[in-house]
Amino acid sequence: MMFSFLLIVIAIVVAVPAITGKGRMLNTEYIKKDKVASYKKWMRLIYGLMALVALTMAFFNFVEKEAYTQTHYYEFTESYVGKDGVTYPAGEKHSVPEMLEIIKDEDKPASNSLCAPVDTDALPYRYVETTYTLQEKYQNSFLKAISYKTARILNYVALGVSMAIIFTLFLFMNLMTDKTAQKKAREQANSPVRPSMPKGAFDFSDYKDEVEVTPDKFSEDIPNQPVEDTTPKKKKK
């Protein structure tokens, strides 16, 4: 049921651009300039087909998985004596619930699988067939005209058609794409970030002839100053 619901959601998503002709799914950023109109036209058609196929898959998946009840049948390959002492002859069909009831052992914890309840010895049984019955609540509906086998086959056919449409979609987009514009956009996106300040702001070549100010140069450019005598003078008596 959840898968059918998911398919309905997908159908709605692709149906919106197909009907309105708008949305990101019809983006023409890198499409060849002279192909934009035809690109949108064919893309809307492809999306419309995808919506129809998705709804078809949702319907037949619902019929296959939900509308029909599966019943698996097994039979004993040799006479089997149950816990109640009843002998079940070989070749007699039993559904899974019936088989579980026959092999149930009151003294041992039973599992919901067709295995030996007491020990590991294999039980003498084999699979016979599986039947599919339309549920009673759908007996008076149009689903009565659709057999389980038909629903299953059409479900797989719709799945194959959807895969073909998706492949066609990617092929069509590739043919309509302007490879040069796309490549240029990728190169610009991958280019390193340049400094915001002009290149001249980091060029100091105009100052190469100026005198470099260093401690030695600084002492040579300043004229000699008289050294002040800081020796304390003696007071006269």
Protein backbone atom coordinates (compact mmCIF):
# COMPACT_ATOMS: atom_id res chain seq x y z
CA MET A 1 0.00 0.00 0.00
CA MET A 2 2.82 2.41 0.84
CA PHE A 3 4.48 1.79 -2.52
CA SER A 4 1.23 2.60 -4.34
CA PHE A 5 0.94 5.82 -2.32
CA LEU A 6 4.54 6.75 -3.19
CA LEU A 7 3.82 6.22 -6.89
CA ILE A 8 0.80 8.53 -6.64
CA VAL A 9 2.97 11.23 -5.05
CA ILE A 10 5.54 10.87 -7.87
CA ALA A 11 2.74 11.13 -10.44
CA ILE A 12 1.54 14.39 -8.87
CA VAL A 13 5.07 15.85 -8.75
CA VAL A 14 5.74 15.26 -12.47
CA ALA A 15 2.17 16.17 -13.49
CA VAL A 16 2.46 19.74 -12.12
CA PRO A 17 5.14 20.95 -14.62
CA ALA A 18 3.47 18.94 -17.39
CA ILE A 19 0.19 20.81 -16.89
CA THR A 20 1.37 24.28 -15.85
CA GLY A 21 4.58 24.48 -17.89
CA LYS A 22 6.36 26.00 -14.90
CA GLY A 23 8.74 24.85 -12.19
CA ARG A 24 12.36 23.92 -11.66
CA MET A 25 11.89 20.66 -13.53
CA LEU A 26 11.65 22.75 -16.73
CA ASN A 27 14.82 24.73 -16.04
CA THR A 28 16.48 25.90 -19.30
CA GLU A 29 19.65 27.49 -17.90
CA TYR A 30 22.09 25.47 -20.03
CA ILE A 31 19.73 24.56 -22.87
CA LYS A 32 20.67 25.69 -26.39
CA LYS A 33 19.11 29.09 -27.07
CA ASP A 34 17.36 28.02 -30.27
CA LYS A 35 15.95 24.86 -28.61
CA VAL A 36 14.30 26.35 -25.51
CA ALA A 37 10.73 26.36 -26.88
CA SER A 38 10.88 22.81 -28.25
CA TYR A 39 12.68 21.63 -25.10
CA LYS A 40 9.84 22.80 -22.85
CA LYS A 41 7.23 21.32 -25.17
CA TRP A 42 8.80 17.85 -25.24
CA MET A 43 9.66 17.89 -21.55
CA ARG A 44 6.03 18.59 -20.67
CA LEU A 45 5.00 15.66 -22.86
CA ILE A 46 7.55 13.34 -21.22
CA TYR A 47 6.50 14.37 -17.72
CA GLY A 48 2.86 13.80 -18.67
CA LEU A 49 3.65 10.26 -19.80
CA MET A 50 5.60 9.63 -16.61
CA ALA A 51 2.59 10.72 -14.54
CA LEU A 52 0.25 8.38 -16.41
CA VAL A 53 2.64 5.43 -16.11
CA ALA A 54 3.18 6.09 -12.39
CA LEU A 55 -0.59 6.10 -11.79
CA THR A 56 -0.93 2.88 -13.81
CA MET A 57 1.77 1.21 -11.72
CA ALA A 58 0.11 2.41 -8.51
CA PHE A 59 -3.22 0.92 -9.58
CA PHE A 60 -1.95 -2.50 -10.63
CA ASN A 61 0.38 -2.70 -7.63
CA PHE A 62 -2.63 -2.10 -5.39
CA VAL A 63 -4.62 -4.81 -7.18
CA GLU A 64 -1.74 -7.28 -6.94
CA LYS A 65 -0.74 -6.65 -3.32
CA GLU A 66 -3.94 -5.50 -1.61
CA ALA A 67 -7.04 -6.66 -3.49
CA TYR A 68 -6.08 -10.35 -3.62
CA THR A 69 -5.45 -12.72 -0.74
CA GLN A 70 -2.69 -15.30 -1.20
CA THR A 71 -3.10 -18.82 0.19
CA HIS A 72 -0.17 -21.26 0.14
CA TYR A 73 -0.89 -25.00 0.18
CA TYR A 74 1.33 -27.90 1.29
CA GLU A 75 0.88 -31.66 1.45
CA PHE A 76 2.52 -34.52 3.35
CA THR A 77 4.67 -36.80 1.25
CA GLU A 78 3.82 -39.71 3.54
CA SER A 79 1.17 -40.42 6.13
CA TYR A 80 1.64 -38.24 9.18
CA VAL A 81 0.19 -38.89 12.64
CA GLY A 82 -0.56 -35.70 14.53
CA LYS A 83 -0.40 -35.06 18.26
CA ASP A 84 -4.13 -35.84 18.53
CA GLY A 85 -3.59 -39.29 17.02
CA VAL A 86 -5.27 -38.44 13.71
CA THR A 87 -3.52 -39.75 10.62
CA TYR A 88 -3.20 -37.33 7.72
CA PRO A 89 -2.66 -39.19 4.42
CA ALA A 90 -0.08 -38.19 1.84
CA GLY A 91 -1.25 -36.03 -1.06
CA GLU A 92 -3.94 -34.17 0.87
CA LYS A 93 -3.61 -30.36 0.57
CA HIS A 94 -3.48 -28.18 3.65
CA SER A 95 -3.14 -24.42 3.98
CA VAL A 96 -0.33 -22.97 6.09
CA PRO A 97 -2.57 -22.35 9.16
CA GLU A 98 -3.87 -25.91 8.90
CA MET A 99 -0.36 -27.36 8.65
CA LEU A 100 0.74 -25.36 11.68
CA GLU A 101 -2.21 -26.68 13.65
CA ILE A 102 -1.45 -30.29 12.63
CA ILE A 103 2.22 -30.24 13.58
CA LYS A 104 1.70 -28.25 16.79
CA ASP A 105 3.13 -29.93 19.86
CA GLU A 106 1.49 -29.01 23.15
CA ASP A 107 4.61 -29.96 25.11
CA LYS A 108 6.97 -27.75 23.11
CA PRO A 109 6.84 -24.05 22.26
CA ALA A 110 5.54 -23.79 18.70
CA SER A 111 6.92 -21.45 16.06
CA ASN A 112 4.91 -19.96 13.21
CA SER A 113 6.91 -21.80 10.57
CA LEU A 114 6.64 -25.17 8.93
CA CYS A 115 9.42 -26.95 10.77
CA ALA A 116 9.62 -29.88 13.15
CA PRO A 117 8.18 -28.74 16.50
CA VAL A 118 9.96 -31.38 18.63
CA ASP A 119 13.37 -31.94 17.05
CA THR A 120 15.37 -30.93 14.01
CA ASP A 121 14.15 -33.79 11.83
CA ALA A 122 12.54 -32.56 8.64
CA LEU A 123 8.79 -33.03 8.38
CA PRO A 124 7.55 -35.08 5.40
CA TYR A 125 5.82 -32.28 3.49
CA ARG A 126 6.23 -30.26 0.29
CA TYR A 127 4.83 -27.14 -1.33
CA VAL A 128 1.90 -27.68 -3.73
CA GLU A 129 0.53 -24.35 -4.99
CA THR A 130 -0.56 -20.80 -4.19
CA THR A 131 -4.04 -19.51 -4.93
CA TYR A 132 -5.15 -15.88 -5.21
CA THR A 133 -8.67 -14.92 -4.17
CA LEU A 134 -10.23 -11.50 -4.65
CA GLN A 135 -11.29 -10.12 -1.29
CA GLU A 136 -15.00 -10.10 -0.57
CA LYS A 137 -15.26 -6.31 -0.37
CA TYR A 138 -14.10 -6.09 -4.02
CA GLN A 139 -16.32 -8.88 -5.34
CA ASN A 140 -18.95 -6.48 -6.69
CA SER A 141 -16.48 -3.95 -8.16
CA PHE A 142 -14.81 -3.71 -11.56
CA LEU A 143 -11.73 -5.34 -10.02
CA LYS A 144 -13.50 -8.65 -10.48
CA ALA A 145 -12.64 -8.42 -14.21
CA ILE A 146 -8.90 -8.18 -13.44
CA SER A 147 -7.24 -11.41 -12.42
CA TYR A 148 -4.20 -11.56 -10.19
CA LYS A 149 -2.03 -12.79 -13.06
CA THR A 150 -3.17 -9.96 -15.33
CA ALA A 151 -2.48 -7.33 -12.67
CA ARG A 152 0.98 -8.77 -12.05
CA ILE A 153 1.90 -8.81 -15.75
CA LEU A 154 0.63 -5.28 -16.38
CA ASN A 155 2.47 -4.06 -13.29
CA TYR A 156 5.77 -5.33 -14.71
CA VAL A 157 4.94 -3.91 -18.15
CA ALA A 158 4.31 -0.48 -16.61
CA LEU A 159 7.59 -0.73 -14.72
CA GLY A 160 9.47 -1.46 -17.96
CA VAL A 161 7.78 1.45 -19.73
CA SER A 162 8.71 3.80 -16.87
CA MET A 163 12.36 2.78 -17.12
CA ALA A 164 12.30 3.45 -20.87
CA ILE A 165 10.77 6.90 -20.30
CA ILE A 166 13.40 7.81 -17.69
CA PHE A 167 16.18 6.74 -20.07
CA THR A 168 14.62 8.81 -22.86
CA LEU A 169 14.37 11.79 -20.52
CA PHE A 170 18.09 11.80 -19.67
CA LEU A 171 19.06 11.23 -23.31
CA PHE A 172 16.85 14.11 -24.48
CA MET A 173 18.23 16.49 -21.83
CA ASN A 174 21.78 15.58 -22.83
CA LEU A 175 21.10 16.30 -26.50
CA MET A 176 19.52 19.67 -25.73
CA THR A 177 22.26 20.87 -23.34
CA ASP A 178 24.74 23.52 -24.47
CA LYS A 179 27.98 21.81 -23.51
CA THR A 180 30.11 24.95 -24.00
CA ALA A 181 28.01 27.11 -21.67
CA GLN A 182 27.86 24.34 -19.11
CA LYS A 183 31.64 23.87 -19.19
CA LYS A 184 32.26 27.60 -18.85
CA ALA A 185 29.96 27.79 -15.83
CA ARG A 186 31.78 24.91 -14.16
CA GLU A 187 35.17 26.52 -14.78
CA GLN A 188 33.99 29.80 -13.25
CA ALA A 189 32.58 27.95 -10.25
CA ASN A 190 35.89 26.10 -9.70
CA SER A 191 38.17 29.15 -10.25
CA PRO A 192 40.11 30.40 -7.16
CA VAL A 193 38.80 33.46 -5.32
CA ARG A 194 40.68 36.63 -6.29
CA PRO A 195 41.56 39.41 -3.78
CA SER A 196 39.05 42.21 -3.63
CA MET A 197 41.79 44.91 -3.47
CA PRO A 198 43.45 46.05 -6.74
CA LYS A 199 46.73 44.45 -7.70
CA GLY A 200 48.52 47.80 -7.43
CA ALA A 201 47.82 47.93 -3.72
CA PHE A 202 50.45 45.23 -3.22
CA ASP A 203 53.08 46.65 -5.67
CA PHE A 204 55.91 48.40 -3.84
CA SER A 205 58.27 48.74 -6.84
CA ASP A 206 57.93 52.59 -6.82
CA TYR A 207 59.75 52.75 -3.49
CA LYS A 208 62.82 50.70 -4.40
CA ASP A 209 65.07 53.81 -4.81
CA GLU A 210 64.29 55.23 -1.39
CA VAL A 211 66.84 54.89 1.38
CA GLU A 212 66.07 51.98 3.61
CA VAL A 213 65.74 53.10 7.18
CA THR A 214 67.72 50.86 9.47
CA PRO A 215 69.27 51.44 12.86
CA ASP A 216 72.68 51.99 11.18
CA LYS A 217 71.36 54.35 8.54
CA PHE A 218 69.33 56.21 11.11
CA SER A 219 72.43 56.95 13.20
CA GLU A 220 74.39 58.16 10.15
CA ASP A 221 71.74 60.61 8.96
CA ILE A 222 71.39 62.43 12.30
CA PRO A 223 74.19 64.98 13.02
CA ASN A 224 76.35 64.41 16.06
CA GLN A 225 74.91 65.99 19.17
CA PRO A 226 77.03 67.16 22.14
CA VAL A 227 77.00 64.72 24.97
CA GLU A 228 75.51 66.25 28.04
CA ASP A 229 77.67 65.96 31.17
CA THR A 230 75.59 64.23 33.73
CA THR A 231 78.34 64.04 36.39
CA PRO A 232 77.10 65.69 39.59
CA LYS A 233 79.01 68.90 40.38
CA LYS A 234 80.53 69.50 43.78
CA LYS A 235 79.20 72.41 45.77
CA LYS A 236 81.64 75.17 46.69
CA LYS A 237 82.20 75.69 50.36
